[in-house]
Amino acid sequence: LARYRDAAGPTDDPEGVLATACEQTETIV
């Protein structure tokens, strides 16, 4: 997920779907 987030960039993820997914998954890990 972090690879996708870094490849897309914040402007390509305006709703923060990838950023939120990364945060949730990393917290559970």
Full PDB file with SEQRES, HELIX, SHEET, SSBOND, CRYST1, ORIGX, SCALE, CONECT and MASTER records, all heavy atoms in Angstrom:
SEQRES   1 A   29  LEU ALA ARG TYR ARG ASP ALA ALA GLY PRO THR ASP ASP          
SEQRES   2 A   29  PRO GLU GLY VAL LEU ALA THR ALA CYS GLU GLN THR GLU          
SEQRES   3 A   29  THR ILE VAL                                                  
HELIX    1 AA1 ALA A    2  ALA A    8  1                                   7    
HELIX    2 AA2 PRO A   10  ASP A   12  5                                   3    
HELIX    3 AA3 VAL A   17  ILE A   28  1                                  12    
CRYST1    1.000    1.000    1.000  90.00  90.00  90.00 P 1           1          
ORIGX1      1.000000  0.000000  0.000000        0.00000                         
ORIGX2      0.000000  1.000000  0.000000        0.00000                         
ORIGX3      0.000000  0.000000  1.000000        0.00000                         
SCALE1      1.000000  0.000000  0.000000        0.00000                         
SCALE2      0.000000  1.000000  0.000000        0.00000                         
SCALE3      0.000000  0.000000  1.000000        0.00000                         
ATOM      1  N   LEU A   1       0.832  -1.207   0.000  1.00  0.00           N  
ATOM      2  CA  LEU A   1       0.000   0.000   0.000  1.00  0.00           C  
ATOM      3  C   LEU A   1       0.866   1.256   0.000  1.00  0.00           C  
ATOM      4  O   LEU A   1       0.549   2.252  -0.666  1.00  0.00           O  
ATOM      5  CB  LEU A   1      -0.928   0.003   1.221  1.00  0.00           C  
ATOM      6  CG  LEU A   1      -2.120  -0.946   1.162  1.00  0.00           C  
ATOM      7  CD1 LEU A   1      -2.768  -1.074   2.534  1.00  0.00           C  
ATOM      8  CD2 LEU A   1      -3.151  -0.456   0.141  1.00  0.00           C  
ATOM      9  N   ALA A   2       1.957   1.217   0.731  1.00  0.00           N  
ATOM     10  CA  ALA A   2       2.859   2.365   0.767  1.00  0.00           C  
ATOM     11  C   ALA A   2       3.478   2.613  -0.605  1.00  0.00           C  
ATOM     12  O   ALA A   2       3.692   3.765  -1.006  1.00  0.00           O  
ATOM     13  CB  ALA A   2       3.949   2.147   1.808  1.00  0.00           C  
ATOM     14  N   ARG A   3       3.774   1.532  -1.347  1.00  0.00           N  
ATOM     15  CA  ARG A   3       4.288   1.692  -2.716  1.00  0.00           C  
ATOM     16  C   ARG A   3       3.275   2.428  -3.584  1.00  0.00           C  
ATOM     17  O   ARG A   3       3.625   3.335  -4.338  1.00  0.00           O  
ATOM     18  CB  ARG A   3       4.605   0.322  -3.337  1.00  0.00           C  
ATOM     19  CG  ARG A   3       5.907  -0.308  -2.883  1.00  0.00           C  
ATOM     20  CD  ARG A   3       6.101  -1.671  -3.516  1.00  0.00           C  
ATOM     21  NE  ARG A   3       6.182  -1.577  -4.972  1.00  0.00           N  
ATOM     22  CZ  ARG A   3       7.302  -1.322  -5.647  1.00  0.00           C  
ATOM     23  NH1 ARG A   3       8.421  -1.113  -4.989  1.00  0.00           N  
ATOM     24  NH2 ARG A   3       7.302  -1.268  -6.965  1.00  0.00           N  
ATOM     25  N   TYR A   4       2.018   2.033  -3.480  1.00  0.00           N  
ATOM     26  CA  TYR A   4       0.975   2.684  -4.276  1.00  0.00           C  
ATOM     27  C   TYR A   4       0.828   4.150  -3.867  1.00  0.00           C  
ATOM     28  O   TYR A   4       0.692   5.036  -4.709  1.00  0.00           O  
ATOM     29  CB  TYR A   4      -0.361   1.970  -4.099  1.00  0.00           C  
ATOM     30  CG  TYR A   4      -0.368   0.517  -4.501  1.00  0.00           C  
ATOM     31  CD1 TYR A   4      -1.222  -0.389  -3.895  1.00  0.00           C  
ATOM     32  CD2 TYR A   4       0.484   0.042  -5.500  1.00  0.00           C  
ATOM     33  CE1 TYR A   4      -1.234  -1.729  -4.263  1.00  0.00           C  
ATOM     34  CE2 TYR A   4       0.483  -1.288  -5.869  1.00  0.00           C  
ATOM     35  CZ  TYR A   4      -0.385  -2.176  -5.241  1.00  0.00           C  
ATOM     36  OH  TYR A   4      -0.391  -3.498  -5.608  1.00  0.00           O  
ATOM     37  N   ARG A   5       0.835   4.382  -2.555  1.00  0.00           N  
ATOM     38  CA  ARG A   5       0.684   5.756  -2.052  1.00  0.00           C  
ATOM     39  C   ARG A   5       1.817   6.643  -2.553  1.00  0.00           C  
ATOM     40  O   ARG A   5       1.585   7.766  -3.021  1.00  0.00           O  
ATOM     41  CB  ARG A   5       0.665   5.736  -0.529  1.00  0.00           C  
ATOM     42  CG  ARG A   5       0.562   7.124   0.130  1.00  0.00           C  
ATOM     43  CD  ARG A   5       1.007   7.040   1.573  1.00  0.00           C  
ATOM     44  NE  ARG A   5       2.397   6.596   1.679  1.00  0.00           N  
ATOM     45  CZ  ARG A   5       2.942   6.085   2.765  1.00  0.00           C  
ATOM     46  NH1 ARG A   5       2.224   5.923   3.857  1.00  0.00           N  
ATOM     47  NH2 ARG A   5       4.216   5.712   2.773  1.00  0.00           N  
ATOM     48  N   ASP A   6       3.048   6.135  -2.478  1.00  0.00           N  
ATOM     49  CA  ASP A   6       4.196   6.931  -2.901  1.00  0.00           C  
ATOM     50  C   ASP A   6       4.199   7.143  -4.410  1.00  0.00           C  
ATOM     51  O   ASP A   6       4.623   8.200  -4.903  1.00  0.00           O  
ATOM     52  CB  ASP A   6       5.494   6.258  -2.459  1.00  0.00           C  
ATOM     53  CG  ASP A   6       5.626   6.183  -0.945  1.00  0.00           C  
ATOM     54  OD1 ASP A   6       4.907   6.934  -0.258  1.00  0.00           O  
ATOM     55  OD2 ASP A   6       6.432   5.360  -0.462  1.00  0.00           O  
ATOM     56  N   ALA A   7       3.739   6.128  -5.167  1.00  0.00           N  
ATOM     57  CA  ALA A   7       3.703   6.249  -6.622  1.00  0.00           C  
ATOM     58  C   ALA A   7       2.613   7.219  -7.063  1.00  0.00           C  
ATOM     59  O   ALA A   7       2.783   7.987  -8.015  1.00  0.00           O  
ATOM     60  CB  ALA A   7       3.473   4.885  -7.263  1.00  0.00           C  
ATOM     61  N   ALA A   8       1.476   7.189  -6.359  1.00  0.00           N  
ATOM     62  CA  ALA A   8       0.348   8.033  -6.748  1.00  0.00           C  
ATOM     63  C   ALA A   8       0.564   9.483  -6.336  1.00  0.00           C  
ATOM     64  O   ALA A   8       0.302  10.411  -7.105  1.00  0.00           O  
ATOM     65  CB  ALA A   8      -0.939   7.498  -6.125  1.00  0.00           C  
ATOM     66  N   GLY A   9       1.034   9.707  -5.131  1.00  0.00           N  
ATOM     67  CA  GLY A   9       1.194  11.072  -4.638  1.00  0.00           C  
ATOM     68  C   GLY A   9      -0.109  11.604  -4.072  1.00  0.00           C  
ATOM     69  O   GLY A   9      -1.196  11.116  -4.403  1.00  0.00           O  
ATOM     70  N   PRO A  10      -0.059  12.622  -3.214  1.00  0.00           N  
ATOM     71  CA  PRO A  10      -1.258  13.133  -2.549  1.00  0.00           C  
ATOM     72  C   PRO A  10      -2.291  13.708  -3.503  1.00  0.00           C  
ATOM     73  O   PRO A  10      -3.489  13.610  -3.269  1.00  0.00           O  
ATOM     74  CB  PRO A  10      -0.713  14.204  -1.597  1.00  0.00           C  
ATOM     75  CG  PRO A  10       0.631  14.566  -2.147  1.00  0.00           C  
ATOM     76  CD  PRO A  10       1.160  13.324  -2.790  1.00  0.00           C  
ATOM     77  N   THR A  11      -1.840  14.310  -4.616  1.00  0.00           N  
ATOM     78  CA  THR A  11      -2.812  14.910  -5.544  1.00  0.00           C  
ATOM     79  C   THR A  11      -3.604  13.855  -6.305  1.00  0.00           C  
ATOM     80  O   THR A  11      -4.685  14.149  -6.827  1.00  0.00           O  
ATOM     81  CB  THR A  11      -2.087  15.825  -6.552  1.00  0.00           C  
ATOM     82  OG1 THR A  11      -1.101  15.044  -7.264  1.00  0.00           O  
ATOM     83  CG2 THR A  11      -1.399  16.974  -5.830  1.00  0.00           C  
ATOM     84  N   ASP A  12      -3.076  12.630  -6.383  1.00  0.00           N  
ATOM     85  CA  ASP A  12      -3.789  11.548  -7.069  1.00  0.00           C  
ATOM     86  C   ASP A  12      -4.665  10.747  -6.116  1.00  0.00           C  
ATOM     87  O   ASP A  12      -5.334   9.807  -6.532  1.00  0.00           O  
ATOM     88  CB  ASP A  12      -2.785  10.599  -7.740  1.00  0.00           C  
ATOM     89  CG  ASP A  12      -1.940  11.310  -8.791  1.00  0.00           C  
ATOM     90  OD1 ASP A  12      -2.531  12.090  -9.569  1.00  0.00           O  
ATOM     91  OD2 ASP A  12      -0.725  11.097  -8.817  1.00  0.00           O  
ATOM     92  N   ASP A  13      -4.642  11.106  -4.845  1.00  0.00           N  
ATOM     93  CA  ASP A  13      -5.452  10.413  -3.838  1.00  0.00           C  
ATOM     94  C   ASP A  13      -6.177  11.461  -3.002  1.00  0.00           C  
ATOM     95  O   ASP A  13      -5.972  11.569  -1.793  1.00  0.00           O  
ATOM     96  CB  ASP A  13      -4.539   9.537  -2.963  1.00  0.00           C  
ATOM     97  CG  ASP A  13      -5.314   8.687  -1.955  1.00  0.00           C  
ATOM     98  OD1 ASP A  13      -6.498   8.383  -2.217  1.00  0.00           O  
ATOM     99  OD2 ASP A  13      -4.735   8.349  -0.899  1.00  0.00           O  
ATOM    100  N   PRO A  14      -7.033  12.268  -3.660  1.00  0.00           N  
ATOM    101  CA  PRO A  14      -7.633  13.413  -2.960  1.00  0.00           C  
ATOM    102  C   PRO A  14      -8.491  13.022  -1.776  1.00  0.00           C  
ATOM    103  O   PRO A  14      -8.608  13.784  -0.807  1.00  0.00           O  
ATOM    104  CB  PRO A  14      -8.465  14.090  -4.062  1.00  0.00           C  
ATOM    105  CG  PRO A  14      -8.715  13.022  -5.069  1.00  0.00           C  
ATOM    106  CD  PRO A  14      -7.490  12.168  -5.050  1.00  0.00           C  
ATOM    107  N   GLU A  15      -9.104  11.841  -1.814  1.00  0.00           N  
ATOM    108  CA  GLU A  15      -9.946  11.411  -0.703  1.00  0.00           C  
ATOM    109  C   GLU A  15      -9.151  10.695   0.384  1.00  0.00           C  
ATOM    110  O   GLU A  15      -9.716  10.293   1.407  1.00  0.00           O  
ATOM    111  CB  GLU A  15     -11.062  10.498  -1.219  1.00  0.00           C  
ATOM    112  CG  GLU A  15     -12.008  11.210  -2.193  1.00  0.00           C  
ATOM    113  CD  GLU A  15     -13.094  10.285  -2.704  1.00  0.00           C  
ATOM    114  OE1 GLU A  15     -13.138   9.118  -2.247  1.00  0.00           O  
ATOM    115  OE2 GLU A  15     -13.901  10.708  -3.541  1.00  0.00           O  
ATOM    116  N   GLY A  16      -7.873  10.523   0.145  1.00  0.00           N  
ATOM    117  CA  GLY A  16      -7.012   9.920   1.159  1.00  0.00           C  
ATOM    118  C   GLY A  16      -7.248   8.443   1.383  1.00  0.00           C  
ATOM    119  O   GLY A  16      -6.949   7.919   2.461  1.00  0.00           O  
ATOM    120  N   VAL A  17      -7.771   7.749   0.370  1.00  0.00           N  
ATOM    121  CA  VAL A  17      -8.070   6.327   0.536  1.00  0.00           C  
ATOM    122  C   VAL A  17      -6.799   5.536   0.814  1.00  0.00           C  
ATOM    123  O   VAL A  17      -6.732   4.727   1.753  1.00  0.00           O  
ATOM    124  CB  VAL A  17      -8.780   5.780  -0.730  1.00  0.00           C  
ATOM    125  CG1 VAL A  17      -8.963   4.264  -0.611  1.00  0.00           C  
ATOM    126  CG2 VAL A  17     -10.115   6.458  -0.924  1.00  0.00           C  
ATOM    127  N   LEU A  18      -5.753   5.774   0.008  1.00  0.00           N  
ATOM    128  CA  LEU A  18      -4.505   5.038   0.198  1.00  0.00           C  
ATOM    129  C   LEU A  18      -3.826   5.427   1.503  1.00  0.00           C  
ATOM    130  O   LEU A  18      -3.315   4.573   2.224  1.00  0.00           O  
ATOM    131  CB  LEU A  18      -3.565   5.302  -0.977  1.00  0.00           C  
ATOM    132  CG  LEU A  18      -3.897   4.581  -2.278  1.00  0.00           C  
ATOM    133  CD1 LEU A  18      -3.003   5.082  -3.404  1.00  0.00           C  
ATOM    134  CD2 LEU A  18      -3.743   3.079  -2.119  1.00  0.00           C  
ATOM    135  N   ALA A  19      -3.809   6.720   1.800  1.00  0.00           N  
ATOM    136  CA  ALA A  19      -3.165   7.173   3.038  1.00  0.00           C  
ATOM    137  C   ALA A  19      -3.834   6.563   4.256  1.00  0.00           C  
ATOM    138  O   ALA A  19      -3.164   6.102   5.195  1.00  0.00           O  
ATOM    139  CB  ALA A  19      -3.202   8.703   3.114  1.00  0.00           C  
ATOM    140  N   THR A  20      -5.181   6.522   4.240  1.00  0.00           N  
ATOM    141  CA  THR A  20      -5.920   5.941   5.367  1.00  0.00           C  
ATOM    142  C   THR A  20      -5.658   4.452   5.462  1.00  0.00           C  
ATOM    143  O   THR A  20      -5.458   3.904   6.565  1.00  0.00           O  
ATOM    144  CB  THR A  20      -7.426   6.191   5.203  1.00  0.00           C  
ATOM    145  OG1 THR A  20      -7.660   7.601   5.171  1.00  0.00           O  
ATOM    146  CG2 THR A  20      -8.205   5.578   6.351  1.00  0.00           C  
ATOM    147  N   ALA A  21      -5.652   3.763   4.323  1.00  0.00           N  
ATOM    148  CA  ALA A  21      -5.396   2.324   4.321  1.00  0.00           C  
ATOM    149  C   ALA A  21      -4.011   2.018   4.872  1.00  0.00           C  
ATOM    150  O   ALA A  21      -3.829   1.061   5.648  1.00  0.00           O  
ATOM    151  CB  ALA A  21      -5.540   1.771   2.908  1.00  0.00           C  
ATOM    152  N   CYS A  22      -3.017   2.821   4.474  1.00  0.00           N  
ATOM    153  CA  CYS A  22      -1.655   2.626   4.989  1.00  0.00           C  
ATOM    154  C   CYS A  22      -1.620   2.792   6.504  1.00  0.00           C  
ATOM    155  O   CYS A  22      -1.038   1.973   7.226  1.00  0.00           O  
ATOM    156  CB  CYS A  22      -0.697   3.625   4.349  1.00  0.00           C  
ATOM    157  SG  CYS A  22      -0.278   3.276   2.640  1.00  0.00           S  
ATOM    158  N   GLU A  23      -2.254   3.843   6.995  1.00  0.00           N  
ATOM    159  CA  GLU A  23      -2.236   4.121   8.428  1.00  0.00           C  
ATOM    160  C   GLU A  23      -2.927   3.005   9.210  1.00  0.00           C  
ATOM    161  O   GLU A  23      -2.411   2.547  10.245  1.00  0.00           O  
ATOM    162  CB  GLU A  23      -2.922   5.455   8.699  1.00  0.00           C  
ATOM    163  CG  GLU A  23      -2.900   5.877  10.162  1.00  0.00           C  
ATOM    164  CD  GLU A  23      -3.568   7.217  10.391  1.00  0.00           C  
ATOM    165  OE1 GLU A  23      -3.892   7.909   9.409  1.00  0.00           O  
ATOM    166  OE2 GLU A  23      -3.759   7.573  11.569  1.00  0.00           O  
ATOM    167  N   GLN A  24      -4.098   2.561   8.727  1.00  0.00           N  
ATOM    168  CA  GLN A  24      -4.830   1.506   9.424  1.00  0.00           C  
ATOM    169  C   GLN A  24      -3.999   0.219   9.477  1.00  0.00           C  
ATOM    170  O   GLN A  24      -3.873  -0.414  10.537  1.00  0.00           O  
ATOM    171  CB  GLN A  24      -6.162   1.236   8.726  1.00  0.00           C  
ATOM    172  CG  GLN A  24      -7.194   2.328   8.891  1.00  0.00           C  
ATOM    173  CD  GLN A  24      -8.451   2.041   8.095  1.00  0.00           C  
ATOM    174  OE1 GLN A  24      -8.439   1.255   7.141  1.00  0.00           O  
ATOM    175  NE2 GLN A  24      -9.548   2.680   8.481  1.00  0.00           N  
ATOM    176  N   THR A  25      -3.446  -0.159   8.330  1.00  0.00           N  
ATOM    177  CA  THR A  25      -2.708  -1.426   8.263  1.00  0.00           C  
ATOM    178  C   THR A  25      -1.447  -1.371   9.111  1.00  0.00           C  
ATOM    179  O   THR A  25      -1.129  -2.333   9.837  1.00  0.00           O  
ATOM    180  CB  THR A  25      -2.354  -1.754   6.807  1.00  0.00           C  
ATOM    181  OG1 THR A  25      -3.511  -1.626   5.996  1.00  0.00           O  
ATOM    182  CG2 THR A  25      -1.834  -3.179   6.684  1.00  0.00           C  
ATOM    183  N   GLU A  26      -0.721  -0.279   9.038  1.00  0.00           N  
ATOM    184  CA  GLU A  26       0.505  -0.154   9.834  1.00  0.00           C  
ATOM    185  C   GLU A  26       0.196  -0.162  11.325  1.00  0.00           C  
ATOM    186  O   GLU A  26       0.975  -0.715  12.124  1.00  0.00           O  
ATOM    187  CB  GLU A  26       1.243   1.123   9.436  1.00  0.00           C  
ATOM    188  CG  GLU A  26       1.857   1.062   8.040  1.00  0.00           C  
ATOM    189  CD  GLU A  26       2.325   2.419   7.549  1.00  0.00           C  
ATOM    190  OE1 GLU A  26       2.118   3.413   8.282  1.00  0.00           O  
ATOM    191  OE2 GLU A  26       2.887   2.496   6.434  1.00  0.00           O  
ATOM    192  N   THR A  27      -0.938   0.424  11.722  1.00  0.00           N  
ATOM    193  CA  THR A  27      -1.324   0.431  13.139  1.00  0.00           C  
ATOM    194  C   THR A  27      -1.615  -0.986  13.627  1.00  0.00           C  
ATOM    195  O   THR A  27      -1.190  -1.389  14.716  1.00  0.00           O  
ATOM    196  CB  THR A  27      -2.572   1.318  13.348  1.00  0.00           C  
ATOM    197  OG1 THR A  27      -2.245   2.660  12.977  1.00  0.00           O  
ATOM    198  CG2 THR A  27      -3.018   1.289  14.798  1.00  0.00           C  
ATOM    199  N   ILE A  28      -2.330  -1.753  12.805  1.00  0.00           N  
ATOM    200  CA  ILE A  28      -2.654  -3.134  13.193  1.00  0.00           C  
ATOM    201  C   ILE A  28      -1.394  -3.980  13.250  1.00  0.00           C  
ATOM    202  O   ILE A  28      -1.216  -4.800  14.160  1.00  0.00           O  
ATOM    203  CB  ILE A  28      -3.679  -3.730  12.211  1.00  0.00           C  
ATOM    204  CG1 ILE A  28      -5.005  -2.971  12.318  1.00  0.00           C  
ATOM    205  CG2 ILE A  28      -3.895  -5.215  12.491  1.00  0.00           C  
ATOM    206  CD1 ILE A  28      -6.025  -3.366  11.277  1.00  0.00           C  
ATOM    207  N   VAL A  29      -0.487  -3.792  12.289  1.00  0.00           N  
ATOM    208  CA  VAL A  29       0.767  -4.548  12.278  1.00  0.00           C  
ATOM    209  C   VAL A  29       1.566  -4.273  13.550  1.00  0.00           C  
ATOM    210  O   VAL A  29       2.072  -5.195  14.208  1.00  0.00           O  
ATOM    211  CB  VAL A  29       1.600  -4.190  11.029  1.00  0.00           C  
ATOM    212  CG1 VAL A  29       3.020  -4.742  11.160  1.00  0.00           C  
ATOM    213  CG2 VAL A  29       0.943  -4.747   9.777  1.00  0.00           C  
TER     214      VAL A  29                                                      
MASTER        0    0    0    3    0    0    0    6  213    1    0    3          
END                                                                             
